[in-house]
């Protein structure tokens, strides 16, 4: 609970800004004075509760929350009382209190309050209700980018990759502002939905029940997802949006999986990856890895002379002890 308490002073400002009944009547100076007084009052109420929770004195925390709720109906205090009830072994009462706070959520969203609610929902095995709570808050405040990030991370933790993909595309249209990062978020979610080929040590060779080591046939949905991901990254690359090694690796992974699923071989499978490495290969920090990838791709395409030249360059200039390069040279 310490990480919650450290942000208490700053996160309480939302409560003052939106619950002060005279905020549209008072002038700026009286309003600021009232806000400072209100924050100080809330700090006096919340600090003992956090101290009791940190000390694991849950009976005292429950007593303090109950007393505070007799004077104010703040959702944050109710959420802290729900945390206390869950720690006391009363999950049903904690859930009932969290659901009450969830039903009364109003904008602007307070991530401090939402985090506290999520703690209770997860601890009681109702993470799906926590997700719906975040969705409701985001629906009420769709222009809140920070809240969208919070919901996106929750989707990933819940393995709701399709919803995360849809949300990242929505964020790209709404918050991109010259950056393409949400496109990469969406492509990552597409890869998480498309099954990857297992490593050779887990595929087996001719074993029973694994189809003789053959990779499982890709579903039409996975094939479409990879095709869409490749098209999106190609557009970003053409617009100059490929600027980091992580983005390059993501693009290479999409092309590699797409080639395997389509059953393409030889030059057709290697052409896209080779062209990408030729244009953006300098983004890779390890030159030996770039040369090794290019040499392997040329070799798979039947360009033995070019592959031999790259293997030789790798050995003479970067990694003289690369055993794979020596065996293939």
C-alpha atoms as a PDB file:
ATOM      1  CA  UNK A   1       0.000   0.000   0.000  1.00  0.00           C
ATOM      2  CA  UNK A   2       3.015   2.320   0.280  1.00  0.00           C
ATOM      3  CA  UNK A   3       3.012   3.055  -3.450  1.00  0.00           C
ATOM      4  CA  UNK A   4      -0.599   4.207  -3.150  1.00  0.00           C
ATOM      5  CA  UNK A   5       0.118   6.446  -0.208  1.00  0.00           C
ATOM      6  CA  UNK A   6       3.038   8.242  -1.860  1.00  0.00           C
ATOM      7  CA  UNK A   7       0.730   9.665  -4.523  1.00  0.00           C
ATOM      8  CA  UNK A   8      -2.097  10.519  -2.182  1.00  0.00           C
ATOM      9  CA  UNK A   9      -1.435  14.263  -1.950  1.00  0.00           C
ATOM     10  CA  UNK A  10      -1.421  14.726  -5.709  1.00  0.00           C
ATOM     11  CA  UNK A  11      -4.252  12.373  -6.589  1.00  0.00           C
ATOM     12  CA  UNK A  12      -6.654  14.046  -4.184  1.00  0.00           C
ATOM     13  CA  UNK A  13      -6.816  17.165  -6.328  1.00  0.00           C
ATOM     14  CA  UNK A  14      -9.411  15.587  -8.624  1.00  0.00           C
ATOM     15  CA  UNK A  15     -11.733  15.214  -5.641  1.00  0.00           C
ATOM     16  CA  UNK A  16     -11.528  18.902  -4.821  1.00  0.00           C
ATOM     17  CA  UNK A  17     -11.811  20.082  -8.407  1.00  0.00           C
ATOM     18  CA  UNK A  18     -15.014  18.179  -9.114  1.00  0.00           C
ATOM     19  CA  UNK A  19     -16.769  17.992  -5.766  1.00  0.00           C
ATOM     20  CA  UNK A  20     -16.402  21.558  -4.549  1.00  0.00           C
ATOM     21  CA  UNK A  21     -19.966  22.943  -4.731  1.00  0.00           C
ATOM     22  CA  UNK A  22     -18.795  26.544  -5.164  1.00  0.00           C
ATOM     23  CA  UNK A  23     -16.236  26.025  -7.904  1.00  0.00           C
ATOM     24  CA  UNK A  24     -18.257  28.025 -10.454  1.00  0.00           C
ATOM     25  CA  UNK A  25     -19.138  30.843  -8.035  1.00  0.00           C
ATOM     26  CA  UNK A  26     -16.009  31.599  -6.071  1.00  0.00           C
ATOM     27  CA  UNK A  27     -13.157  33.625  -7.491  1.00  0.00           C
ATOM     28  CA  UNK A  28      -9.783  32.092  -8.191  1.00  0.00           C
ATOM     29  CA  UNK A  29      -8.167  33.001  -4.858  1.00  0.00           C
ATOM     30  CA  UNK A  30     -11.028  31.824  -2.605  1.00  0.00           C
ATOM     31  CA  UNK A  31     -11.315  28.673  -4.718  1.00  0.00           C
ATOM     32  CA  UNK A  32      -7.616  27.889  -4.325  1.00  0.00           C
ATOM     33  CA  UNK A  33      -7.818  28.488  -0.588  1.00  0.00           C
ATOM     34  CA  UNK A  34     -10.828  26.183  -0.340  1.00  0.00           C
ATOM     35  CA  UNK A  35      -9.014  23.573  -2.407  1.00  0.00           C
ATOM     36  CA  UNK A  36      -5.971  23.659  -0.125  1.00  0.00           C
ATOM     37  CA  UNK A  37      -8.190  23.305   2.924  1.00  0.00           C
ATOM     38  CA  UNK A  38     -10.066  20.414   1.344  1.00  0.00           C
ATOM     39  CA  UNK A  39      -6.845  18.595   0.421  1.00  0.00           C
ATOM     40  CA  UNK A  40      -5.506  19.060   3.932  1.00  0.00           C
ATOM     41  CA  UNK A  41      -8.732  17.652   5.376  1.00  0.00           C
ATOM     42  CA  UNK A  42      -8.633  14.613   3.093  1.00  0.00           C
ATOM     43  CA  UNK A  43      -4.972  14.028   3.942  1.00  0.00           C
ATOM     44  CA  UNK A  44      -5.824  14.015   7.627  1.00  0.00           C
ATOM     45  CA  UNK A  45      -8.482  11.381   6.980  1.00  0.00           C
ATOM     46  CA  UNK A  46      -6.471   9.179   4.626  1.00  0.00           C
ATOM     47  CA  UNK A  47      -3.028   9.169   6.212  1.00  0.00           C
ATOM     48  CA  UNK A  48      -4.058   7.152   9.313  1.00  0.00           C
ATOM     49  CA  UNK A  49      -5.863   4.635   7.069  1.00  0.00           C
ATOM     50  CA  UNK A  50      -2.766   4.100   4.928  1.00  0.00           C
ATOM     51  CA  UNK A  51      -0.595   3.820   8.033  1.00  0.00           C
ATOM     52  CA  UNK A  52      -2.901   1.157   9.462  1.00  0.00           C
ATOM     53  CA  UNK A  53      -2.885  -0.797   6.188  1.00  0.00           C
ATOM     54  CA  UNK A  54       0.913  -0.609   5.973  1.00  0.00           C
ATOM     55  CA  UNK A  55       1.132  -1.894   9.555  1.00  0.00           C
ATOM     56  CA  UNK A  56      -1.373  -4.681   8.703  1.00  0.00           C
ATOM     57  CA  UNK A  57      -3.634  -3.413  11.471  1.00  0.00           C
ATOM     58  CA  UNK A  58      -6.792  -4.110   9.496  1.00  0.00           C
ATOM     59  CA  UNK A  59      -9.188  -3.745  12.436  1.00  0.00           C
ATOM     60  CA  UNK A  60      -7.967  -0.200  13.011  1.00  0.00           C
ATOM     61  CA  UNK A  61      -8.149   0.518   9.280  1.00  0.00           C
ATOM     62  CA  UNK A  62     -11.759  -0.677   9.179  1.00  0.00           C
ATOM     63  CA  UNK A  63     -12.626   1.489  12.163  1.00  0.00           C
ATOM     64  CA  UNK A  64     -11.029   4.562  10.574  1.00  0.00           C
ATOM     65  CA  UNK A  65     -12.759   3.991   7.220  1.00  0.00           C
ATOM     66  CA  UNK A  66     -16.140   3.561   8.869  1.00  0.00           C
ATOM     67  CA  UNK A  67     -15.682   6.766  10.861  1.00  0.00           C
ATOM     68  CA  UNK A  68     -14.549   8.704   7.785  1.00  0.00           C
ATOM     69  CA  UNK A  69     -17.502   7.509   5.715  1.00  0.00           C
ATOM     70  CA  UNK A  70     -19.904   8.916   8.282  1.00  0.00           C
ATOM     71  CA  UNK A  71     -18.610  12.397   7.356  1.00  0.00           C
ATOM     72  CA  UNK A  72     -17.945  12.040   3.620  1.00  0.00           C
ATOM     73  CA  UNK A  73     -19.049   9.731   0.829  1.00  0.00           C
ATOM     74  CA  UNK A  74     -15.692   9.665  -0.988  1.00  0.00           C
ATOM     75  CA  UNK A  75     -15.228   6.708  -3.322  1.00  0.00           C
ATOM     76  CA  UNK A  76     -11.547   6.438  -2.414  1.00  0.00           C
ATOM     77  CA  UNK A  77     -12.344   5.806   1.251  1.00  0.00           C
ATOM     78  CA  UNK A  78     -14.901   3.174   0.237  1.00  0.00           C
ATOM     79  CA  UNK A  79     -12.270   1.504  -1.939  1.00  0.00           C
ATOM     80  CA  UNK A  80      -9.805   1.481   0.968  1.00  0.00           C
ATOM     81  CA  UNK A  81     -12.487  -0.006   3.186  1.00  0.00           C
ATOM     82  CA  UNK A  82     -12.979  -2.722   0.540  1.00  0.00           C
ATOM     83  CA  UNK A  83      -9.233  -3.451   0.653  1.00  0.00           C
ATOM     84  CA  UNK A  84      -9.488  -3.759   4.428  1.00  0.00           C
ATOM     85  CA  UNK A  85     -12.486  -6.092   4.248  1.00  0.00           C
ATOM     86  CA  UNK A  86     -10.709  -8.324   1.745  1.00  0.00           C
ATOM     87  CA  UNK A  87      -7.679  -8.558   4.024  1.00  0.00           C
ATOM     88  CA  UNK A  88      -9.973  -9.461   6.928  1.00  0.00           C
ATOM     89  CA  UNK A  89     -11.356 -12.431   4.979  1.00  0.00           C
ATOM     90  CA  UNK A  90     -14.668 -10.835   3.973  1.00  0.00           C
ATOM     91  CA  UNK A  91     -14.461 -10.923   0.156  1.00  0.00           C
ATOM     92  CA  UNK A  92     -18.225 -10.719  -0.411  1.00  0.00           C
ATOM     93  CA  UNK A  93     -18.510  -7.485   1.578  1.00  0.00           C
ATOM     94  CA  UNK A  94     -15.450  -6.088  -0.190  1.00  0.00           C
ATOM     95  CA  UNK A  95     -16.921  -6.903  -3.609  1.00  0.00           C
ATOM     96  CA  UNK A  96     -20.267  -5.335  -2.712  1.00  0.00           C
ATOM     97  CA  UNK A  97     -18.518  -2.110  -1.729  1.00  0.00           C
ATOM     98  CA  UNK A  98     -16.387  -2.080  -4.887  1.00  0.00           C
ATOM     99  CA  UNK A  99     -19.436  -2.643  -7.068  1.00  0.00           C
ATOM    100  CA  UNK A 100     -21.140   0.292  -5.378  1.00  0.00           C
ATOM    101  CA  UNK A 101     -18.163   2.527  -6.163  1.00  0.00           C
ATOM    102  CA  UNK A 102     -18.025   1.164  -9.708  1.00  0.00           C
ATOM    103  CA  UNK A 103     -21.689   1.985 -10.333  1.00  0.00           C
ATOM    104  CA  UNK A 104     -21.149   5.556  -9.138  1.00  0.00           C
ATOM    105  CA  UNK A 105     -18.000   6.331 -11.131  1.00  0.00           C
ATOM    106  CA  UNK A 106     -18.041   9.822 -12.602  1.00  0.00           C
ATOM    107  CA  UNK A 107     -15.515  11.659 -14.767  1.00  0.00           C
ATOM    108  CA  UNK A 108     -12.789  12.686 -14.489  1.00  0.00           C
ATOM    109  CA  UNK A 109     -11.266   9.254 -13.947  1.00  0.00           C
ATOM    110  CA  UNK A 110      -8.913   8.933 -10.983  1.00  0.00           C
ATOM    111  CA  UNK A 111      -6.264   6.291 -11.598  1.00  0.00           C
ATOM    112  CA  UNK A 112      -5.579   6.147  -7.848  1.00  0.00           C
ATOM    113  CA  UNK A 113      -9.155   5.089  -7.168  1.00  0.00           C
ATOM    114  CA  UNK A 114      -9.187   2.682 -10.131  1.00  0.00           C
ATOM    115  CA  UNK A 115      -5.948   1.050  -9.000  1.00  0.00           C
ATOM    116  CA  UNK A 116      -7.395   0.476  -5.553  1.00  0.00           C
ATOM    117  CA  UNK A 117     -10.542  -1.079  -6.995  1.00  0.00           C
ATOM    118  CA  UNK A 118      -8.466  -3.308  -9.281  1.00  0.00           C
ATOM    119  CA  UNK A 119      -6.522  -4.590  -6.286  1.00  0.00           C
ATOM    120  CA  UNK A 120      -9.727  -5.832  -4.674  1.00  0.00           C
ATOM    121  CA  UNK A 121     -11.209  -7.291  -7.861  1.00  0.00           C
ATOM    122  CA  UNK A 122      -8.016  -9.247  -8.568  1.00  0.00           C
ATOM    123  CA  UNK A 123      -7.606 -10.434  -4.978  1.00  0.00           C
ATOM    124  CA  UNK A 124     -11.183 -11.754  -4.932  1.00  0.00           C
ATOM    125  CA  UNK A 125     -10.866 -13.546  -8.283  1.00  0.00           C
ATOM    126  CA  UNK A 126     -13.107 -11.095 -10.151  1.00  0.00           C
ATOM    127  CA  UNK A 127     -10.580  -9.559 -12.516  1.00  0.00           C
ATOM    128  CA  UNK A 128     -13.215  -9.455 -15.272  1.00  0.00           C
ATOM    129  CA  UNK A 129     -15.259  -7.040 -13.169  1.00  0.00           C
ATOM    130  CA  UNK A 130     -12.168  -4.879 -12.800  1.00  0.00           C
ATOM    131  CA  UNK A 131     -11.804  -4.820 -16.570  1.00  0.00           C
ATOM    132  CA  UNK A 132     -15.435  -3.778 -16.993  1.00  0.00           C
ATOM    133  CA  UNK A 133     -14.842  -1.049 -14.404  1.00  0.00           C
ATOM    134  CA  UNK A 134     -11.969   0.339 -16.489  1.00  0.00           C
ATOM    135  CA  UNK A 135     -14.056   0.068 -19.650  1.00  0.00           C
ATOM    136  CA  UNK A 136     -16.835   2.049 -18.037  1.00  0.00           C
ATOM    137  CA  UNK A 137     -14.433   4.747 -16.902  1.00  0.00           C
ATOM    138  CA  UNK A 138     -12.923   4.965 -20.389  1.00  0.00           C
ATOM    139  CA  UNK A 139     -16.352   5.224 -22.010  1.00  0.00           C
ATOM    140  CA  UNK A 140     -17.100   8.187 -19.785  1.00  0.00           C
ATOM    141  CA  UNK A 141     -13.805   9.878 -20.627  1.00  0.00           C
ATOM    142  CA  UNK A 142     -12.745   8.680 -24.077  1.00  0.00           C
ATOM    143  CA  UNK A 143     -10.219  11.515 -24.531  1.00  0.00           C
ATOM    144  CA  UNK A 144      -8.103  10.381 -21.561  1.00  0.00           C
ATOM    145  CA  UNK A 145      -4.955   8.856 -23.076  1.00  0.00           C
ATOM    146  CA  UNK A 146      -3.519   7.790 -19.723  1.00  0.00           C
ATOM    147  CA  UNK A 147      -6.699   5.884 -18.929  1.00  0.00           C
ATOM    148  CA  UNK A 148      -6.554   4.220 -22.354  1.00  0.00           C
ATOM    149  CA  UNK A 149      -3.016   3.023 -21.548  1.00  0.00           C
ATOM    150  CA  UNK A 150      -4.270   1.646 -18.230  1.00  0.00           C
ATOM    151  CA  UNK A 151      -7.056  -0.271 -19.984  1.00  0.00           C
ATOM    152  CA  UNK A 152      -4.668  -1.547 -22.684  1.00  0.00           C
ATOM    153  CA  UNK A 153      -2.301  -2.967 -20.075  1.00  0.00           C
ATOM    154  CA  UNK A 154      -5.200  -4.618 -18.289  1.00  0.00           C
ATOM    155  CA  UNK A 155      -6.332  -6.257 -21.538  1.00  0.00           C
ATOM    156  CA  UNK A 156      -2.849  -7.687 -22.045  1.00  0.00           C
ATOM    157  CA  UNK A 157      -2.685  -9.054 -18.494  1.00  0.00           C
ATOM    158  CA  UNK A 158      -6.082 -10.680 -19.046  1.00  0.00           C
ATOM    159  CA  UNK A 159      -4.878 -12.042 -22.443  1.00  0.00           C
ATOM    160  CA  UNK A 160      -7.680 -10.184 -24.222  1.00  0.00           C
ATOM    161  CA  UNK A 161      -5.470  -9.607 -27.243  1.00  0.00           C
ATOM    162  CA  UNK A 162      -8.264  -8.844 -29.684  1.00  0.00           C
ATOM    163  CA  UNK A 163      -9.692  -6.121 -27.454  1.00  0.00           C
ATOM    164  CA  UNK A 164      -6.201  -4.743 -26.928  1.00  0.00           C
ATOM    165  CA  UNK A 165      -5.704  -4.615 -30.703  1.00  0.00           C
ATOM    166  CA  UNK A 166      -8.964  -2.748 -31.226  1.00  0.00           C
ATOM    167  CA  UNK A 167      -8.115  -0.293 -28.449  1.00  0.00           C
ATOM    168  CA  UNK A 168      -4.636   0.375 -29.837  1.00  0.00           C
ATOM    169  CA  UNK A 169      -6.097   1.142 -33.267  1.00  0.00           C
ATOM    170  CA  UNK A 170      -8.568   3.505 -31.627  1.00  0.00           C
ATOM    171  CA  UNK A 171      -5.712   5.219 -29.802  1.00  0.00           C
ATOM    172  CA  UNK A 172      -3.782   5.500 -33.070  1.00  0.00           C
ATOM    173  CA  UNK A 173      -6.647   7.387 -34.676  1.00  0.00           C
ATOM    174  CA  UNK A 174      -7.239   9.574 -31.641  1.00  0.00           C
ATOM    175  CA  UNK A 175      -3.880  10.205 -29.973  1.00  0.00           C
ATOM    176  CA  UNK A 176      -1.170   9.432 -32.568  1.00  0.00           C
ATOM    177  CA  UNK A 177      -0.066  13.090 -33.066  1.00  0.00           C
ATOM    178  CA  UNK A 178       2.708  12.267 -35.525  1.00  0.00           C
ATOM    179  CA  UNK A 179       3.873   9.060 -33.861  1.00  0.00           C
ATOM    180  CA  UNK A 180       3.276   5.496 -35.002  1.00  0.00           C
ATOM    181  CA  UNK A 181       3.741   3.708 -31.681  1.00  0.00           C
ATOM    182  CA  UNK A 182       0.136   2.581 -31.433  1.00  0.00           C
ATOM    183  CA  UNK A 183       0.491   0.833 -34.798  1.00  0.00           C
ATOM    184  CA  UNK A 184       3.259  -1.275 -33.279  1.00  0.00           C
ATOM    185  CA  UNK A 185       1.070  -1.973 -30.266  1.00  0.00           C
ATOM    186  CA  UNK A 186      -1.675  -3.221 -32.580  1.00  0.00           C
ATOM    187  CA  UNK A 187       0.747  -5.382 -34.592  1.00  0.00           C
ATOM    188  CA  UNK A 188       2.107  -6.912 -31.393  1.00  0.00           C
ATOM    189  CA  UNK A 189      -1.448  -7.854 -30.392  1.00  0.00           C
ATOM    190  CA  UNK A 190      -1.952  -9.430 -33.834  1.00  0.00           C
ATOM    191  CA  UNK A 191       1.166 -11.553 -33.343  1.00  0.00           C
ATOM    192  CA  UNK A 192      -0.102 -12.654 -29.951  1.00  0.00           C
ATOM    193  CA  UNK A 193      -3.287 -13.879 -31.655  1.00  0.00           C
ATOM    194  CA  UNK A 194      -1.406 -15.748 -34.419  1.00  0.00           C
ATOM    195  CA  UNK A 195       0.150 -19.033 -33.234  1.00  0.00           C
ATOM    196  CA  UNK A 196       3.917 -19.176 -33.595  1.00  0.00           C
ATOM    197  CA  UNK A 197       5.803 -22.239 -34.781  1.00  0.00           C
ATOM    198  CA  UNK A 198       7.351 -23.992 -31.753  1.00  0.00           C
ATOM    199  CA  UNK A 199      11.142 -24.344 -31.506  1.00  0.00           C
ATOM    200  CA  UNK A 200      12.664 -27.507 -33.047  1.00  0.00           C
ATOM    201  CA  UNK A 201      13.395 -29.082 -29.659  1.00  0.00           C
ATOM    202  CA  UNK A 202       9.672 -28.994 -28.834  1.00  0.00           C
ATOM    203  CA  UNK A 203       8.367 -30.059 -32.249  1.00  0.00           C
ATOM    204  CA  UNK A 204       9.927 -33.511 -32.216  1.00  0.00           C
ATOM    205  CA  UNK A 205      10.811 -35.558 -35.248  1.00  0.00           C
ATOM    206  CA  UNK A 206       8.332 -38.236 -36.149  1.00  0.00           C
ATOM    207  CA  UNK A 207       7.018 -38.437 -32.602  1.00  0.00           C
ATOM    208  CA  UNK A 208       3.556 -39.763 -31.841  1.00  0.00           C
ATOM    209  CA  UNK A 209       0.757 -37.246 -31.483  1.00  0.00           C
ATOM    210  CA  UNK A 210       2.634 -34.360 -33.037  1.00  0.00           C
ATOM    211  CA  UNK A 211       2.037 -35.052 -36.689  1.00  0.00           C
ATOM    212  CA  UNK A 212       5.612 -36.116 -37.337  1.00  0.00           C
ATOM    213  CA  UNK A 213       7.033 -32.741 -36.339  1.00  0.00           C
ATOM    214  CA  UNK A 214       4.883 -30.764 -38.779  1.00  0.00           C
ATOM    215  CA  UNK A 215       3.704 -27.347 -37.632  1.00  0.00           C
ATOM    216  CA  UNK A 216      -0.014 -26.945 -37.104  1.00  0.00           C
ATOM    217  CA  UNK A 217      -1.861 -25.481 -40.051  1.00  0.00           C
ATOM    218  CA  UNK A 218      -2.596 -21.810 -39.590  1.00  0.00           C
ATOM    219  CA  UNK A 219      -6.199 -20.733 -39.207  1.00  0.00           C
ATOM    220  CA  UNK A 220      -7.678 -18.313 -41.771  1.00  0.00           C
ATOM    221  CA  UNK A 221      -8.008 -15.693 -39.046  1.00  0.00           C
ATOM    222  CA  UNK A 222      -4.322 -15.931 -38.148  1.00  0.00           C
ATOM    223  CA  UNK A 223      -3.340 -15.682 -41.810  1.00  0.00           C
ATOM    224  CA  UNK A 224      -5.462 -12.550 -42.238  1.00  0.00           C
ATOM    225  CA  UNK A 225      -4.016 -11.044 -39.056  1.00  0.00           C
ATOM    226  CA  UNK A 226      -0.458 -11.518 -40.301  1.00  0.00           C
ATOM    227  CA  UNK A 227      -1.305 -10.117 -43.739  1.00  0.00           C
ATOM    228  CA  UNK A 228      -2.881  -7.048 -42.130  1.00  0.00           C
ATOM    229  CA  UNK A 229       0.097  -6.624 -39.785  1.00  0.00           C
ATOM    230  CA  UNK A 230       2.547  -6.816 -42.708  1.00  0.00           C
ATOM    231  CA  UNK A 231       0.530  -4.259 -44.693  1.00  0.00           C
ATOM    232  CA  UNK A 232       0.371  -1.871 -41.742  1.00  0.00           C
ATOM    233  CA  UNK A 233       4.107  -2.093 -41.078  1.00  0.00           C
ATOM    234  CA  UNK A 234       4.911  -1.682 -44.769  1.00  0.00           C
ATOM    235  CA  UNK A 235       2.925   1.546 -44.833  1.00  0.00           C
ATOM    236  CA  UNK A 236       4.657   2.804 -41.691  1.00  0.00           C
ATOM    237  CA  UNK A 237       8.055   1.912 -43.151  1.00  0.00           C
ATOM    238  CA  UNK A 238       7.333   3.758 -46.382  1.00  0.00           C
ATOM    239  CA  UNK A 239       6.305   6.832 -44.386  1.00  0.00           C
ATOM    240  CA  UNK A 240       9.602   6.798 -42.492  1.00  0.00           C
ATOM    241  CA  UNK A 241       8.134   5.516 -39.244  1.00  0.00           C
ATOM    242  CA  UNK A 242      10.631   2.661 -38.766  1.00  0.00           C
ATOM    243  CA  UNK A 243      13.187   4.200 -36.417  1.00  0.00           C
ATOM    244  CA  UNK A 244      14.292   1.669 -33.803  1.00  0.00           C
ATOM    245  CA  UNK A 245      15.704  -1.830 -33.561  1.00  0.00           C
ATOM    246  CA  UNK A 246      12.629  -3.111 -31.705  1.00  0.00           C
ATOM    247  CA  UNK A 247      10.371  -1.925 -34.535  1.00  0.00           C
ATOM    248  CA  UNK A 248      12.634  -3.554 -37.119  1.00  0.00           C
ATOM    249  CA  UNK A 249      12.634  -6.854 -35.235  1.00  0.00           C
ATOM    250  CA  UNK A 250       8.855  -6.763 -35.005  1.00  0.00           C
ATOM    251  CA  UNK A 251       8.569  -6.262 -38.766  1.00  0.00           C
ATOM    252  CA  UNK A 252      11.018  -9.121 -39.437  1.00  0.00           C
ATOM    253  CA  UNK A 253       9.055 -11.408 -37.134  1.00  0.00           C
ATOM    254  CA  UNK A 254       5.819 -10.630 -38.987  1.00  0.00           C
ATOM    255  CA  UNK A 255       7.416 -11.365 -42.356  1.00  0.00           C
ATOM    256  CA  UNK A 256       9.014 -14.589 -41.107  1.00  0.00           C
ATOM    257  CA  UNK A 257       5.747 -15.906 -39.656  1.00  0.00           C
ATOM    258  CA  UNK A 258       3.815 -14.888 -42.749  1.00  0.00           C
ATOM    259  CA  UNK A 259       6.242 -16.756 -45.002  1.00  0.00           C
ATOM    260  CA  UNK A 260       6.010 -19.922 -42.866  1.00  0.00           C
ATOM    261  CA  UNK A 261       2.227 -19.876 -42.731  1.00  0.00           C
ATOM    262  CA  UNK A 262       1.845 -19.303 -46.444  1.00  0.00           C
ATOM    263  CA  UNK A 263       4.258 -22.107 -47.211  1.00  0.00           C
ATOM    264  CA  UNK A 264       6.367 -19.825 -49.359  1.00  0.00           C
ATOM    265  CA  UNK A 265       9.931 -20.905 -50.015  1.00  0.00           C
ATOM    266  CA  UNK A 266      13.137 -19.798 -51.649  1.00  0.00           C
ATOM    267  CA  UNK A 267      13.369 -16.284 -53.051  1.00  0.00           C
ATOM    268  CA  UNK A 268       9.719 -15.466 -52.334  1.00  0.00           C
ATOM    269  CA  UNK A 269      10.106 -16.065 -48.607  1.00  0.00           C
ATOM    270  CA  UNK A 270      13.410 -14.214 -48.314  1.00  0.00           C
ATOM    271  CA  UNK A 271      12.762 -11.232 -50.592  1.00  0.00           C
ATOM    272  CA  UNK A 272      10.734  -9.153 -48.146  1.00  0.00           C
ATOM    273  CA  UNK A 273      13.110  -9.697 -45.232  1.00  0.00           C
ATOM    274  CA  UNK A 274      16.193  -9.042 -47.373  1.00  0.00           C
ATOM    275  CA  UNK A 275      14.764  -5.802 -48.731  1.00  0.00           C
ATOM    276  CA  UNK A 276      13.910  -4.695 -45.204  1.00  0.00           C
ATOM    277  CA  UNK A 277      17.392  -5.486 -43.890  1.00  0.00           C
ATOM    278  CA  UNK A 278      19.008  -3.664 -46.781  1.00  0.00           C
ATOM    279  CA  UNK A 279      16.987  -0.519 -46.079  1.00  0.00           C
ATOM    280  CA  UNK A 280      16.980  -0.537 -42.296  1.00  0.00           C
ATOM    281  CA  UNK A 281      19.631  -3.068 -41.264  1.00  0.00           C
ATOM    282  CA  UNK A 282      21.747  -0.346 -39.645  1.00  0.00           C
ATOM    283  CA  UNK A 283      19.134  -0.053 -36.903  1.00  0.00           C
ATOM    284  CA  UNK A 284      20.380  -3.369 -35.496  1.00  0.00           C
ATOM    285  CA  UNK A 285      23.031  -2.782 -32.867  1.00  0.00           C
ATOM    286  CA  UNK A 286      24.795  -6.117 -33.484  1.00  0.00           C
ATOM    287  CA  UNK A 287      26.296  -6.087 -36.985  1.00  0.00           C
ATOM    288  CA  UNK A 288      27.153  -9.788 -36.727  1.00  0.00           C
ATOM    289  CA  UNK A 289      23.489 -10.661 -36.217  1.00  0.00           C
ATOM    290  CA  UNK A 290      22.472  -8.569 -39.220  1.00  0.00           C
ATOM    291  CA  UNK A 291      25.089 -10.236 -41.441  1.00  0.00           C
ATOM    292  CA  UNK A 292      24.110 -13.673 -40.184  1.00  0.00           C
ATOM    293  CA  UNK A 293      20.443 -13.034 -40.968  1.00  0.00           C
ATOM    294  CA  UNK A 294      21.218 -11.696 -44.424  1.00  0.00           C
ATOM    295  CA  UNK A 295      23.543 -14.588 -45.232  1.00  0.00           C
ATOM    296  CA  UNK A 296      20.960 -17.166 -44.136  1.00  0.00           C
ATOM    297  CA  UNK A 297      18.265 -15.479 -46.226  1.00  0.00           C
ATOM    298  CA  UNK A 298      20.488 -15.346 -49.316  1.00  0.00           C
ATOM    299  CA  UNK A 299      21.319 -18.995 -48.788  1.00  0.00           C
ATOM    300  CA  UNK A 300      17.648 -19.986 -48.550  1.00  0.00           C
ATOM    301  CA  UNK A 301      17.029 -18.077 -51.788  1.00  0.00           C
ATOM    302  CA  UNK A 302      19.835 -19.946 -53.565  1.00  0.00           C
ATOM    303  CA  UNK A 303      22.199 -16.976 -53.800  1.00  0.00           C
ATOM    304  CA  UNK A 304      25.238 -18.902 -52.669  1.00  0.00           C
ATOM    305  CA  UNK A 305      27.873 -16.405 -53.797  1.00  0.00           C
ATOM    306  CA  UNK A 306      26.294 -13.524 -51.866  1.00  0.00           C
ATOM    307  CA  UNK A 307      25.761 -15.734 -48.823  1.00  0.00           C
ATOM    308  CA  UNK A 308      29.430 -16.804 -48.908  1.00  0.00           C
ATOM    309  CA  UNK A 309      30.562 -13.172 -49.125  1.00  0.00           C
ATOM    310  CA  UNK A 310      28.488 -12.230 -46.076  1.00  0.00           C
ATOM    311  CA  UNK A 311      29.684 -15.236 -44.052  1.00  0.00           C
ATOM    312  CA  UNK A 312      33.270 -14.271 -44.908  1.00  0.00           C
ATOM    313  CA  UNK A 313      32.670 -10.653 -43.864  1.00  0.00           C
ATOM    314  CA  UNK A 314      31.172 -11.837 -40.601  1.00  0.00           C
ATOM    315  CA  UNK A 315      34.246 -13.961 -39.814  1.00  0.00           C
ATOM    316  CA  UNK A 316      36.909 -11.468 -40.842  1.00  0.00           C
ATOM    317  CA  UNK A 317      35.418  -8.262 -39.418  1.00  0.00           C
ATOM    318  CA  UNK A 318      33.088  -9.118 -36.564  1.00  0.00           C
ATOM    319  CA  UNK A 319      33.098 -12.644 -35.124  1.00  0.00           C
ATOM    320  CA  UNK A 320      36.126 -14.765 -35.956  1.00  0.00           C
ATOM    321  CA  UNK A 321      34.895 -17.543 -33.641  1.00  0.00           C
ATOM    322  CA  UNK A 322      31.405 -17.878 -35.158  1.00  0.00           C
ATOM    323  CA  UNK A 323      31.184 -21.650 -35.636  1.00  0.00           C
ATOM    324  CA  UNK A 324      28.024 -21.540 -37.755  1.00  0.00           C
ATOM    325  CA  UNK A 325      29.662 -19.170 -40.228  1.00  0.00           C
ATOM    326  CA  UNK A 326      32.764 -21.367 -40.467  1.00  0.00           C
ATOM    327  CA  UNK A 327      30.715 -24.484 -41.154  1.00  0.00           C
ATOM    328  CA  UNK A 328      28.612 -22.781 -43.829  1.00  0.00           C
ATOM    329  CA  UNK A 329      31.466 -20.929 -45.509  1.00  0.00           C
END
